[in-house]
N, C-alpha and C. Protein backbone atom coordinates (compact mmCIF):
# COMPACT_ATOMS: atom_id res chain seq x y z
N MET A 1 -2.56 -3.17 2.20
CA MET A 1 -3.06 -1.78 2.05
C MET A 1 -2.22 -0.92 3.02
N SER A 2 -1.88 0.23 2.47
CA SER A 2 -1.02 1.13 3.31
C SER A 2 -1.85 1.79 4.39
N ARG A 3 -1.06 2.38 5.37
CA ARG A 3 -1.90 3.03 6.48
C ARG A 3 -2.66 4.24 6.00
N ARG A 4 -2.10 4.90 5.01
CA ARG A 4 -2.79 6.11 4.43
C ARG A 4 -4.15 5.61 3.82
N LEU A 5 -4.01 4.59 3.03
CA LEU A 5 -5.29 4.16 2.42
C LEU A 5 -6.35 3.58 3.44
N LEU A 6 -5.84 2.97 4.45
CA LEU A 6 -6.73 2.56 5.55
C LEU A 6 -7.41 3.70 6.20
N LYS A 7 -6.66 4.78 6.51
CA LYS A 7 -7.19 5.96 7.15
C LYS A 7 -8.20 6.60 6.22
N ALA A 8 -7.91 6.66 4.89
CA ALA A 8 -8.89 7.24 3.92
C ALA A 8 -10.11 6.41 3.86
N ALA A 9 -10.02 5.12 3.83
CA ALA A 9 -11.17 4.21 3.80
C ALA A 9 -12.10 4.39 5.02
N GLU A 10 -11.49 4.49 6.18
CA GLU A 10 -12.24 4.71 7.45
C GLU A 10 -12.98 6.03 7.40
N ALA A 11 -12.32 7.08 6.95
CA ALA A 11 -12.90 8.37 6.98
C ALA A 11 -14.09 8.38 5.96
N ILE A 12 -13.95 7.70 4.78
CA ILE A 12 -15.06 7.68 3.82
C ILE A 12 -16.16 6.90 4.42
N ARG A 13 -15.86 5.73 5.09
CA ARG A 13 -16.92 4.97 5.64
C ARG A 13 -17.70 5.78 6.68
N GLU A 14 -17.07 6.51 7.48
CA GLU A 14 -17.81 7.37 8.53
C GLU A 14 -18.71 8.41 7.83
N VAL A 15 -18.17 9.11 6.86
CA VAL A 15 -18.86 10.17 6.17
C VAL A 15 -20.15 9.58 5.46
N VAL A 16 -19.95 8.50 4.78
CA VAL A 16 -21.05 7.89 4.03
C VAL A 16 -22.08 7.40 5.05
N SER A 17 -21.64 6.66 6.16
CA SER A 17 -22.62 6.17 7.06
C SER A 17 -23.37 7.33 7.72
N LEU A 18 -22.75 8.35 8.03
CA LEU A 18 -23.44 9.52 8.71
C LEU A 18 -24.38 10.14 7.75
N ALA A 19 -23.99 10.23 6.50
CA ALA A 19 -24.86 10.91 5.46
C ALA A 19 -26.12 10.04 5.27
N ILE A 20 -26.03 8.72 5.31
CA ILE A 20 -27.16 7.80 5.11
C ILE A 20 -28.12 8.08 6.28
N VAL A 21 -27.57 8.14 7.53
CA VAL A 21 -28.44 8.27 8.63
C VAL A 21 -29.03 9.62 8.83
N THR A 22 -28.33 10.72 8.54
CA THR A 22 -28.75 12.03 8.85
C THR A 22 -29.30 12.86 7.73
N GLU A 23 -28.87 12.60 6.56
CA GLU A 23 -29.22 13.47 5.42
C GLU A 23 -30.17 12.89 4.38
N MET A 24 -30.24 11.58 4.31
CA MET A 24 -31.16 10.92 3.30
C MET A 24 -32.47 10.74 3.93
N ARG A 25 -33.48 11.11 3.28
CA ARG A 25 -34.88 11.00 3.81
C ARG A 25 -35.70 9.87 3.21
N ASP A 26 -35.08 9.25 2.26
CA ASP A 26 -35.78 8.13 1.48
C ASP A 26 -36.04 6.92 2.39
N PRO A 27 -37.24 6.53 2.79
CA PRO A 27 -37.45 5.41 3.65
C PRO A 27 -36.94 4.15 3.10
N ARG A 28 -36.64 4.01 1.79
CA ARG A 28 -36.10 2.71 1.25
C ARG A 28 -34.68 2.48 1.70
N ILE A 29 -34.00 3.38 2.20
CA ILE A 29 -32.57 3.20 2.54
C ILE A 29 -32.49 3.06 4.10
N LYS A 30 -33.52 2.88 4.83
CA LYS A 30 -33.41 2.80 6.33
C LYS A 30 -32.73 1.65 6.78
N ASN A 31 -32.60 0.55 5.94
CA ASN A 31 -31.96 -0.70 6.32
C ASN A 31 -30.57 -0.87 5.66
N VAL A 32 -29.95 0.17 5.22
CA VAL A 32 -28.69 0.11 4.51
C VAL A 32 -27.56 0.38 5.46
N THR A 33 -26.55 -0.50 5.57
CA THR A 33 -25.46 -0.35 6.41
C THR A 33 -24.11 -0.36 5.54
N VAL A 34 -23.18 0.57 5.83
CA VAL A 34 -21.93 0.53 5.12
C VAL A 34 -21.08 -0.48 5.86
N VAL A 35 -20.57 -1.50 5.12
CA VAL A 35 -19.82 -2.56 5.69
C VAL A 35 -18.27 -2.42 5.40
N GLY A 36 -17.99 -1.64 4.46
CA GLY A 36 -16.57 -1.50 4.06
C GLY A 36 -16.39 -0.52 2.92
N VAL A 37 -15.11 -0.05 2.86
CA VAL A 37 -14.74 0.86 1.80
C VAL A 37 -13.41 0.37 1.28
N GLU A 38 -13.28 0.27 -0.08
CA GLU A 38 -12.08 -0.16 -0.70
C GLU A 38 -11.53 1.08 -1.55
N VAL A 39 -10.44 1.64 -1.05
CA VAL A 39 -9.85 2.86 -1.74
C VAL A 39 -8.89 2.35 -2.76
N MET A 40 -8.87 2.83 -3.94
CA MET A 40 -7.91 2.58 -5.00
C MET A 40 -6.60 3.18 -4.69
N PRO A 41 -5.47 2.50 -5.08
CA PRO A 41 -4.15 2.94 -4.69
C PRO A 41 -3.84 4.43 -5.09
N ASP A 42 -4.39 4.94 -6.18
CA ASP A 42 -4.21 6.24 -6.64
C ASP A 42 -5.01 7.24 -5.85
N MET A 43 -5.93 6.78 -5.00
CA MET A 43 -6.87 7.53 -4.11
C MET A 43 -7.83 8.49 -4.96
N LYS A 44 -8.07 8.03 -6.17
CA LYS A 44 -8.99 8.85 -6.97
C LYS A 44 -10.39 8.31 -6.92
N SER A 45 -10.55 7.10 -6.48
CA SER A 45 -11.86 6.49 -6.44
C SER A 45 -11.88 5.48 -5.29
N ALA A 46 -13.14 5.09 -4.90
CA ALA A 46 -13.35 4.08 -3.82
C ALA A 46 -14.59 3.34 -4.15
N LYS A 47 -14.62 2.06 -3.68
CA LYS A 47 -15.82 1.33 -3.70
C LYS A 47 -16.36 1.22 -2.31
N VAL A 48 -17.69 1.52 -2.18
CA VAL A 48 -18.33 1.45 -0.90
C VAL A 48 -19.24 0.26 -0.89
N HIS A 49 -19.00 -0.68 0.04
CA HIS A 49 -19.75 -1.93 0.16
C HIS A 49 -20.80 -1.72 1.21
N VAL A 50 -21.99 -2.06 0.86
CA VAL A 50 -23.14 -1.85 1.76
C VAL A 50 -23.80 -3.25 1.97
N SER A 51 -24.54 -3.29 3.12
CA SER A 51 -25.43 -4.46 3.39
C SER A 51 -26.85 -3.95 3.52
N ILE A 52 -27.79 -4.67 2.92
CA ILE A 52 -29.26 -4.30 2.89
C ILE A 52 -29.94 -5.31 3.72
N MET A 53 -30.53 -4.90 4.89
CA MET A 53 -31.23 -5.84 5.77
C MET A 53 -32.75 -5.77 5.43
N GLY A 54 -33.45 -6.74 5.87
CA GLY A 54 -34.85 -6.80 5.62
C GLY A 54 -35.30 -7.93 4.73
N SER A 55 -36.58 -8.08 4.49
CA SER A 55 -37.10 -9.17 3.71
C SER A 55 -36.79 -8.82 2.20
N GLU A 56 -37.07 -9.78 1.40
CA GLU A 56 -36.76 -9.55 -0.15
C GLU A 56 -37.71 -8.33 -0.57
N LYS A 57 -38.92 -8.23 -0.07
CA LYS A 57 -39.83 -7.28 -0.48
C LYS A 57 -39.30 -5.82 -0.07
N GLU A 58 -38.72 -5.80 1.14
CA GLU A 58 -38.19 -4.49 1.60
C GLU A 58 -36.98 -4.12 0.86
N GLN A 59 -36.19 -5.08 0.40
CA GLN A 59 -34.91 -4.81 -0.26
C GLN A 59 -35.14 -4.26 -1.68
């Protein structure tokens, strides 16, 4: 992955993580963590990988 794609992925990860913590009020997402971002080579889209903590009932 090029340096440009890595920088874009890190920026997206930071923005999405911050949005989850500060802007989303749904209690169901309190245990969601962004673990990675995969930016496509054309930089038109990205996949955000998340981890969901908690029991099966909480997930």
